[in-house]
PDB file of all heavy atoms in Angstrom:
ATOM      1  N   HIS A   1      19.151  -3.180 -16.278  1.00  0.00           N
ATOM      2  CA  HIS A   1      19.145  -4.638 -16.049  1.00  0.00           C
ATOM      3  C   HIS A   1      17.943  -5.367 -16.407  1.00  0.00           C
ATOM      4  O   HIS A   1      18.002  -6.368 -17.029  1.00  0.00           O
ATOM      5  CB  HIS A   1      19.581  -4.832 -14.580  1.00  0.00           C
ATOM      6  CG  HIS A   1      20.910  -4.625 -14.137  1.00  0.00           C
ATOM      7  ND1 HIS A   1      22.028  -5.254 -14.531  1.00  0.00           N
ATOM      8  CD2 HIS A   1      21.406  -3.596 -13.232  1.00  0.00           C
ATOM      9  CE1 HIS A   1      23.031  -4.784 -14.122  1.00  0.00           C
ATOM     10  NE2 HIS A   1      22.802  -3.744 -13.252  1.00  0.00           N
ATOM     11  N   VAL A   2      16.760  -4.768 -16.012  1.00  0.00           N
ATOM     12  CA  VAL A   2      15.528  -5.535 -16.439  1.00  0.00           C
ATOM     13  C   VAL A   2      15.112  -5.086 -17.843  1.00  0.00           C
ATOM     14  O   VAL A   2      14.320  -5.821 -18.374  1.00  0.00           O
ATOM     15  CB  VAL A   2      14.438  -5.022 -15.345  1.00  0.00           C
ATOM     16  CG1 VAL A   2      13.079  -5.791 -15.706  1.00  0.00           C
ATOM     17  CG2 VAL A   2      14.899  -5.411 -14.014  1.00  0.00           C
ATOM     18  N   GLN A   3      15.637  -4.041 -18.356  1.00  0.00           N
ATOM     19  CA  GLN A   3      15.286  -3.475 -19.647  1.00  0.00           C
ATOM     20  C   GLN A   3      13.703  -3.142 -19.714  1.00  0.00           C
ATOM     21  O   GLN A   3      12.924  -3.613 -20.531  1.00  0.00           O
ATOM     22  CB  GLN A   3      15.646  -4.457 -20.807  1.00  0.00           C
ATOM     23  CG  GLN A   3      17.126  -4.673 -20.880  1.00  0.00           C
ATOM     24  CD  GLN A   3      17.462  -5.571 -21.965  1.00  0.00           C
ATOM     25  OE1 GLN A   3      16.968  -6.627 -22.174  1.00  0.00           O
ATOM     26  NE2 GLN A   3      18.443  -5.034 -22.759  1.00  0.00           N
ATOM     27  N   THR A   4      13.404  -2.160 -18.846  1.00  0.00           N
ATOM     28  CA  THR A   4      12.059  -1.698 -18.754  1.00  0.00           C
ATOM     29  C   THR A   4      12.117  -0.056 -19.015  1.00  0.00           C
ATOM     30  O   THR A   4      13.217   0.478 -18.789  1.00  0.00           O
ATOM     31  CB  THR A   4      11.464  -1.910 -17.322  1.00  0.00           C
ATOM     32  OG1 THR A   4      12.229  -1.220 -16.285  1.00  0.00           O
ATOM     33  CG2 THR A   4      11.366  -3.472 -17.157  1.00  0.00           C
ATOM     34  N   PRO A   5      11.056   0.584 -19.157  1.00  0.00           N
ATOM     35  CA  PRO A   5      11.007   2.059 -19.406  1.00  0.00           C
ATOM     36  C   PRO A   5      11.483   2.648 -18.055  1.00  0.00           C
ATOM     37  O   PRO A   5      11.164   2.111 -16.944  1.00  0.00           O
ATOM     38  CB  PRO A   5       9.598   2.398 -19.709  1.00  0.00           C
ATOM     39  CG  PRO A   5       9.054   1.048 -20.337  1.00  0.00           C
ATOM     40  CD  PRO A   5       9.706   0.025 -19.591  1.00  0.00           C
ATOM     41  N   PRO A   6      12.203   3.736 -18.130  1.00  0.00           N
ATOM     42  CA  PRO A   6      12.788   4.277 -16.891  1.00  0.00           C
ATOM     43  C   PRO A   6      11.719   4.864 -16.061  1.00  0.00           C
ATOM     44  O   PRO A   6      11.862   4.751 -14.739  1.00  0.00           O
ATOM     45  CB  PRO A   6      13.697   5.443 -17.448  1.00  0.00           C
ATOM     46  CG  PRO A   6      13.222   5.764 -18.780  1.00  0.00           C
ATOM     47  CD  PRO A   6      12.820   4.394 -19.277  1.00  0.00           C
ATOM     48  N   GLY A   7      10.664   5.383 -16.530  1.00  0.00           N
ATOM     49  CA  GLY A   7       9.614   5.884 -15.567  1.00  0.00           C
ATOM     50  C   GLY A   7       8.955   4.761 -14.718  1.00  0.00           C
ATOM     51  O   GLY A   7       8.593   4.930 -13.561  1.00  0.00           O
ATOM     52  N   MET A   8       8.858   3.571 -15.300  1.00  0.00           N
ATOM     53  CA  MET A   8       8.301   2.405 -14.500  1.00  0.00           C
ATOM     54  C   MET A   8       9.174   2.036 -13.419  1.00  0.00           C
ATOM     55  O   MET A   8       8.727   1.695 -12.308  1.00  0.00           O
ATOM     56  CB  MET A   8       8.010   1.184 -15.379  1.00  0.00           C
ATOM     57  CG  MET A   8       7.034   0.168 -14.868  1.00  0.00           C
ATOM     58  SD  MET A   8       6.320  -0.818 -16.113  1.00  0.00           S
ATOM     59  CE  MET A   8       7.617  -1.815 -16.555  1.00  0.00           C
ATOM     60  N   ALA A   9      10.494   2.188 -13.695  1.00  0.00           N
ATOM     61  CA  ALA A   9      11.463   1.785 -12.627  1.00  0.00           C
ATOM     62  C   ALA A   9      11.467   2.923 -11.558  1.00  0.00           C
ATOM     63  O   ALA A   9      11.544   2.584 -10.372  1.00  0.00           O
ATOM     64  CB  ALA A   9      12.908   1.780 -13.274  1.00  0.00           C
ATOM     65  N   GLY A  10      11.174   4.190 -11.969  1.00  0.00           N
ATOM     66  CA  GLY A  10      11.214   5.177 -11.033  1.00  0.00           C
ATOM     67  C   GLY A  10      10.040   5.040 -10.021  1.00  0.00           C
ATOM     68  O   GLY A  10      10.054   5.222  -8.928  1.00  0.00           O
ATOM     69  N   GLN A  11       8.893   4.673 -10.753  1.00  0.00           N
ATOM     70  CA  GLN A  11       7.678   4.401  -9.865  1.00  0.00           C
ATOM     71  C   GLN A  11       7.841   3.348  -8.941  1.00  0.00           C
ATOM     72  O   GLN A  11       7.384   3.522  -7.783  1.00  0.00           O
ATOM     73  CB  GLN A  11       6.443   3.917 -10.955  1.00  0.00           C
ATOM     74  CG  GLN A  11       6.005   4.972 -11.843  1.00  0.00           C
ATOM     75  CD  GLN A  11       4.832   5.926 -11.447  1.00  0.00           C
ATOM     76  OE1 GLN A  11       5.049   6.911 -10.816  1.00  0.00           O
ATOM     77  NE2 GLN A  11       3.795   5.392 -11.673  1.00  0.00           N
ATOM     78  N   SER A  12       8.543   2.261  -9.276  1.00  0.00           N
ATOM     79  CA  SER A  12       8.723   1.206  -8.533  1.00  0.00           C
ATOM     80  C   SER A  12       9.520   1.329  -7.292  1.00  0.00           C
ATOM     81  O   SER A  12       9.165   1.066  -6.089  1.00  0.00           O
ATOM     82  CB  SER A  12       9.364  -0.050  -9.255  1.00  0.00           C
ATOM     83  OG  SER A  12       8.342  -0.522 -10.323  1.00  0.00           O
ATOM     84  N   VAL A  13      10.680   2.184  -7.370  1.00  0.00           N
ATOM     85  CA  VAL A  13      11.488   2.453  -6.242  1.00  0.00           C
ATOM     86  C   VAL A  13      10.897   3.499  -5.314  1.00  0.00           C
ATOM     87  O   VAL A  13      11.007   3.453  -4.191  1.00  0.00           O
ATOM     88  CB  VAL A  13      12.966   2.815  -6.711  1.00  0.00           C
ATOM     89  CG1 VAL A  13      13.634   1.665  -7.451  1.00  0.00           C
ATOM     90  CG2 VAL A  13      13.020   4.097  -7.498  1.00  0.00           C
ATOM     91  N   LEU A  14      10.201   4.402  -5.937  1.00  0.00           N
ATOM     92  CA  LEU A  14       9.464   5.511  -5.244  1.00  0.00           C
ATOM     93  C   LEU A  14       8.401   4.906  -4.342  1.00  0.00           C
ATOM     94  O   LEU A  14       8.207   5.325  -3.148  1.00  0.00           O
ATOM     95  CB  LEU A  14       9.015   6.644  -5.961  1.00  0.00           C
ATOM     96  CG  LEU A  14       8.644   7.929  -5.368  1.00  0.00           C
ATOM     97  CD1 LEU A  14       9.722   8.445  -4.340  1.00  0.00           C
ATOM     98  CD2 LEU A  14       8.367   9.043  -6.352  1.00  0.00           C
ATOM     99  N   ALA A  15       7.672   4.021  -5.000  1.00  0.00           N
ATOM    100  CA  ALA A  15       6.472   3.289  -4.226  1.00  0.00           C
ATOM    101  C   ALA A  15       7.040   2.430  -3.103  1.00  0.00           C
ATOM    102  O   ALA A  15       6.471   2.481  -1.908  1.00  0.00           O
ATOM    103  CB  ALA A  15       5.689   2.512  -5.195  1.00  0.00           C
ATOM    104  N   ALA A  16       8.119   1.809  -3.290  1.00  0.00           N
ATOM    105  CA  ALA A  16       8.669   0.987  -2.236  1.00  0.00           C
ATOM    106  C   ALA A  16       9.131   1.758  -1.118  1.00  0.00           C
ATOM    107  O   ALA A  16       9.029   1.525   0.199  1.00  0.00           O
ATOM    108  CB  ALA A  16       9.804   0.055  -2.794  1.00  0.00           C
ATOM    109  N   ALA A  17       9.921   2.861  -1.469  1.00  0.00           N
ATOM    110  CA  ALA A  17      10.443   3.858  -0.400  1.00  0.00           C
ATOM    111  C   ALA A  17       9.199   4.529   0.401  1.00  0.00           C
ATOM    112  O   ALA A  17       9.333   4.634   1.598  1.00  0.00           O
ATOM    113  CB  ALA A  17      11.220   4.980  -1.085  1.00  0.00           C
ATOM    114  N   ALA A  18       8.114   4.828  -0.353  1.00  0.00           N
ATOM    115  CA  ALA A  18       7.043   5.430   0.349  1.00  0.00           C
ATOM    116  C   ALA A  18       6.462   4.420   1.356  1.00  0.00           C
ATOM    117  O   ALA A  18       6.030   4.845   2.556  1.00  0.00           O
ATOM    118  CB  ALA A  18       5.886   5.830  -0.575  1.00  0.00           C
ATOM    119  N   LEU A  19       6.426   3.124   1.032  1.00  0.00           N
ATOM    120  CA  LEU A  19       6.000   2.069   1.978  1.00  0.00           C
ATOM    121  C   LEU A  19       6.809   2.019   3.190  1.00  0.00           C
ATOM    122  O   LEU A  19       6.351   1.836   4.349  1.00  0.00           O
ATOM    123  CB  LEU A  19       5.810   0.743   1.248  1.00  0.00           C
ATOM    124  CG  LEU A  19       5.572  -0.587   2.084  1.00  0.00           C
ATOM    125  CD1 LEU A  19       4.221  -0.226   2.906  1.00  0.00           C
ATOM    126  CD2 LEU A  19       5.473  -1.785   1.229  1.00  0.00           C
ATOM    127  N   ALA A  20       8.173   2.163   2.960  1.00  0.00           N
ATOM    128  CA  ALA A  20       9.116   1.951   4.010  1.00  0.00           C
ATOM    129  C   ALA A  20       9.110   3.258   4.952  1.00  0.00           C
ATOM    130  O   ALA A  20       9.394   3.063   6.110  1.00  0.00           O
ATOM    131  CB  ALA A  20      10.539   1.836   3.474  1.00  0.00           C
ATOM    132  N   VAL A  21       8.720   4.304   4.420  1.00  0.00           N
ATOM    133  CA  VAL A  21       8.840   5.622   5.245  1.00  0.00           C
ATOM    134  C   VAL A  21       7.493   6.021   5.932  1.00  0.00           C
ATOM    135  O   VAL A  21       7.430   6.572   6.907  1.00  0.00           O
ATOM    136  CB  VAL A  21       9.277   6.733   4.268  1.00  0.00           C
ATOM    137  CG1 VAL A  21       9.152   8.104   4.895  1.00  0.00           C
ATOM    138  CG2 VAL A  21      10.765   6.717   3.913  1.00  0.00           C
ATOM    139  N   GLN A  22       6.319   5.606   5.269  1.00  0.00           N
ATOM    140  CA  GLN A  22       5.050   6.174   5.750  1.00  0.00           C
ATOM    141  C   GLN A  22       4.716   5.933   7.176  1.00  0.00           C
ATOM    142  O   GLN A  22       3.956   6.619   7.663  1.00  0.00           O
ATOM    143  CB  GLN A  22       3.904   5.636   4.788  1.00  0.00           C
ATOM    144  CG  GLN A  22       3.683   4.017   4.966  1.00  0.00           C
ATOM    145  CD  GLN A  22       2.613   3.598   4.134  1.00  0.00           C
ATOM    146  OE1 GLN A  22       2.108   4.353   3.340  1.00  0.00           O
ATOM    147  NE2 GLN A  22       2.375   2.309   4.259  1.00  0.00           N
ATOM    148  N   GLY A  23       5.359   4.888   7.893  1.00  0.00           N
ATOM    149  CA  GLY A  23       4.912   4.622   9.156  1.00  0.00           C
ATOM    150  C   GLY A  23       5.764   5.378  10.120  1.00  0.00           C
ATOM    151  O   GLY A  23       5.526   5.429  11.363  1.00  0.00           O
ATOM    152  N   LEU A  24       6.850   6.069   9.636  1.00  0.00           N
ATOM    153  CA  LEU A  24       7.804   6.626  10.460  1.00  0.00           C
ATOM    154  C   LEU A  24       7.528   8.293  10.636  1.00  0.00           C
ATOM    155  O   LEU A  24       7.842   8.736  11.665  1.00  0.00           O
ATOM    156  CB  LEU A  24       9.273   6.546   9.878  1.00  0.00           C
ATOM    157  CG  LEU A  24       9.769   5.127   9.759  1.00  0.00           C
ATOM    158  CD1 LEU A  24      11.089   5.054   9.101  1.00  0.00           C
ATOM    159  CD2 LEU A  24       9.808   4.376  11.086  1.00  0.00           C
ATOM    160  N   VAL A  25       7.048   8.862   9.606  1.00  0.00           N
ATOM    161  CA  VAL A  25       6.922  10.329   9.730  1.00  0.00           C
ATOM    162  C   VAL A  25       5.503  10.727   8.918  1.00  0.00           C
ATOM    163  O   VAL A  25       4.983  10.029   8.039  1.00  0.00           O
ATOM    164  CB  VAL A  25       7.954  11.069   8.918  1.00  0.00           C
ATOM    165  CG1 VAL A  25       9.234  10.882   9.713  1.00  0.00           C
ATOM    166  CG2 VAL A  25       8.193  10.817   7.466  1.00  0.00           C
ATOM    167  N   ASP A  26       4.926  11.749   9.406  1.00  0.00           N
ATOM    168  CA  ASP A  26       4.005  12.569   8.676  1.00  0.00           C
ATOM    169  C   ASP A  26       4.701  13.879   8.287  1.00  0.00           C
ATOM    170  O   ASP A  26       5.828  14.247   8.719  1.00  0.00           O
ATOM    171  CB  ASP A  26       2.803  12.930   9.476  1.00  0.00           C
ATOM    172  CG  ASP A  26       1.859  11.830   9.680  1.00  0.00           C
ATOM    173  OD1 ASP A  26       2.049  10.720   8.981  1.00  0.00           O
ATOM    174  OD2 ASP A  26       0.893  11.821  10.508  1.00  0.00           O
ATOM    175  N   VAL A  27       4.093  14.666   7.268  1.00  0.00           N
ATOM    176  CA  VAL A  27       4.682  16.003   6.783  1.00  0.00           C
ATOM    177  C   VAL A  27       3.780  17.120   7.211  1.00  0.00           C
ATOM    178  O   VAL A  27       2.540  16.880   6.937  1.00  0.00           O
ATOM    179  CB  VAL A  27       5.016  15.809   5.369  1.00  0.00           C
ATOM    180  CG1 VAL A  27       3.748  15.525   4.544  1.00  0.00           C
ATOM    181  CG2 VAL A  27       5.684  17.010   4.939  1.00  0.00           C
ATOM    182  N   ALA A  28       4.271  18.145   7.693  1.00  0.00           N
ATOM    183  CA  ALA A  28       3.606  19.355   7.842  1.00  0.00           C
ATOM    184  C   ALA A  28       3.947  20.432   6.783  1.00  0.00           C
ATOM    185  O   ALA A  28       5.203  20.624   6.620  1.00  0.00           O
ATOM    186  CB  ALA A  28       3.830  20.004   9.288  1.00  0.00           C
ATOM    187  N   ARG A  29       3.000  20.783   6.060  1.00  0.00           N
ATOM    188  CA  ARG A  29       3.296  21.839   5.010  1.00  0.00           C
ATOM    189  C   ARG A  29       3.107  23.218   5.553  1.00  0.00           C
ATOM    190  O   ARG A  29       2.020  23.903   5.164  1.00  0.00           O
ATOM    191  CB  ARG A  29       2.347  21.604   3.798  1.00  0.00           C
ATOM    192  CG  ARG A  29       2.441  20.072   3.290  1.00  0.00           C
ATOM    193  CD  ARG A  29       1.317  19.741   2.243  1.00  0.00           C
ATOM    194  NE  ARG A  29      -0.107  20.072   2.628  1.00  0.00           N
ATOM    195  CZ  ARG A  29      -0.733  19.089   3.166  1.00  0.00           C
ATOM    196  NH1 ARG A  29      -0.297  17.964   3.588  1.00  0.00           N
ATOM    197  NH2 ARG A  29      -2.079  19.475   3.698  1.00  0.00           N
ATOM    198  N   GLY A  30       4.024  23.635   6.286  1.00  0.00           N
ATOM    199  CA  GLY A  30       3.956  24.969   6.895  1.00  0.00           C
ATOM    200  C   GLY A  30       2.724  25.098   7.715  1.00  0.00           C
ATOM    201  O   GLY A  30       2.385  24.194   8.490  1.00  0.00           O
ATOM    202  N   PRO A  31       1.958  26.051   7.574  1.00  0.00           N
ATOM    203  CA  PRO A  31       0.620  26.293   8.258  1.00  0.00           C
ATOM    204  C   PRO A  31      -0.446  25.611   7.564  1.00  0.00           C
ATOM    205  O   PRO A  31      -1.638  25.810   7.895  1.00  0.00           O
ATOM    206  CB  PRO A  31       0.475  27.809   8.310  1.00  0.00           C
ATOM    207  CG  PRO A  31       1.011  28.313   7.114  1.00  0.00           C
ATOM    208  CD  PRO A  31       2.216  27.439   6.845  1.00  0.00           C
ATOM    209  N   HIS A  32      -0.329  24.888   6.512  1.00  0.00           N
ATOM    210  CA  HIS A  32      -1.367  24.438   5.523  1.00  0.00           C
ATOM    211  C   HIS A  32      -1.615  23.026   5.733  1.00  0.00           C
ATOM    212  O   HIS A  32      -1.881  22.127   4.849  1.00  0.00           O
ATOM    213  CB  HIS A  32      -0.965  24.688   4.154  1.00  0.00           C
ATOM    214  CG  HIS A  32      -0.860  26.133   3.841  1.00  0.00           C
ATOM    215  ND1 HIS A  32      -1.913  27.035   3.802  1.00  0.00           N
ATOM    216  CD2 HIS A  32       0.394  26.977   3.567  1.00  0.00           C
ATOM    217  CE1 HIS A  32      -1.433  28.231   3.591  1.00  0.00           C
ATOM    218  NE2 HIS A  32      -0.196  28.240   3.378  1.00  0.00           N
ATOM    219  N   GLY A  33      -1.531  22.454   7.046  1.00  0.00           N
ATOM    220  CA  GLY A  33      -2.011  21.139   7.346  1.00  0.00           C
ATOM    221  C   GLY A  33      -0.852  20.152   7.400  1.00  0.00           C
ATOM    222  O   GLY A  33       0.225  20.390   6.933  1.00  0.00           O
ATOM    223  N   ARG A  34      -1.135  19.025   7.888  1.00  0.00           N
ATOM    224  CA  ARG A  34      -0.125  17.903   8.036  1.00  0.00           C
ATOM    225  C   ARG A  34      -0.906  16.638   7.491  1.00  0.00           C
ATOM    226  O   ARG A  34      -2.140  16.638   7.466  1.00  0.00           O
ATOM    227  CB  ARG A  34       0.263  17.708   9.404  1.00  0.00           C
ATOM    228  CG  ARG A  34      -0.796  17.341  10.404  1.00  0.00           C
ATOM    229  CD  ARG A  34      -0.302  17.194  11.810  1.00  0.00           C
ATOM    230  NE  ARG A  34       0.309  15.878  11.892  1.00  0.00           N
ATOM    231  CZ  ARG A  34       0.936  15.386  12.971  1.00  0.00           C
ATOM    232  NH1 ARG A  34       0.859  16.042  14.029  1.00  0.00           N
ATOM    233  NH2 ARG A  34       1.311  14.176  12.936  1.00  0.00           N
ATOM    234  N   GLY A  35      -0.196  15.789   7.004  1.00  0.00           N
ATOM    235  CA  GLY A  35      -0.741  14.446   6.558  1.00  0.00           C
ATOM    236  C   GLY A  35       0.308  13.421   6.318  1.00  0.00           C
ATOM    237  O   GLY A  35       1.518  13.649   6.602  1.00  0.00           O
ATOM    238  N   PRO A  36      -0.114  12.238   5.868  1.00  0.00           N
ATOM    239  CA  PRO A  36       0.790  11.162   5.593  1.00  0.00           C
ATOM    240  C   PRO A  36       1.740  11.390   4.416  1.00  0.00           C
ATOM    241  O   PRO A  36       1.618  12.459   3.725  1.00  0.00           O
ATOM    242  CB  PRO A  36      -0.117  10.052   5.294  1.00  0.00           C
ATOM    243  CG  PRO A  36      -1.483  10.404   5.638  1.00  0.00           C
ATOM    244  CD  PRO A  36      -1.517  11.945   5.516  1.00  0.00           C
ATOM    245  N   VAL A  37       2.737  10.538   4.377  1.00  0.00           N
ATOM    246  CA  VAL A  37       3.703  10.611   3.170  1.00  0.00           C
ATOM    247  C   VAL A  37       3.342   9.550   2.272  1.00  0.00           C
ATOM    248  O   VAL A  37       4.131   9.270   1.400  1.00  0.00           O
ATOM    249  CB  VAL A  37       5.092  10.655   3.568  1.00  0.00           C
ATOM    250  CG1 VAL A  37       5.441  11.890   4.417  1.00  0.00           C
ATOM    251  CG2 VAL A  37       5.610   9.406   4.396  1.00  0.00           C
ATOM    252  N   SER A  38       2.281   8.783   2.490  1.00  0.00           N
ATOM    253  CA  SER A  38       1.923   7.727   1.568  1.00  0.00           C
ATOM    254  C   SER A  38       1.696   8.188   0.143  1.00  0.00           C
ATOM    255  O   SER A  38       1.351   9.417  -0.104  1.00  0.00           O
ATOM    256  CB  SER A  38       0.453   7.114   2.036  1.00  0.00           C
ATOM    257  OG  SER A  38       0.645   6.695   3.379  1.00  0.00           O
ATOM    258  N   LEU A  39       2.064   7.413  -0.864  1.00  0.00           N
ATOM    259  CA  LEU A  39       1.965   7.732  -2.162  1.00  0.00           C
ATOM    260  C   LEU A  39       1.253   6.608  -2.934  1.00  0.00           C
ATOM    261  O   LEU A  39       1.418   5.372  -2.661  1.00  0.00           O
ATOM    262  CB  LEU A  39       3.354   7.919  -2.931  1.00  0.00           C
ATOM    263  CG  LEU A  39       4.062   9.102  -2.277  1.00  0.00           C
ATOM    264  CD1 LEU A  39       5.504   9.010  -2.738  1.00  0.00           C
ATOM    265  CD2 LEU A  39       3.479  10.462  -2.762  1.00  0.00           C
TER     266      LEU A  39
END
């Protein structure tokens, strides 16, 4: 619809989703630590 490169659209929705999710969960990578899901 906007006629932009697909990667830029992918970046935009993934960044918005990270903002929406980051306050709800952290992620634990097995025994190798835990941290935010911020991107």
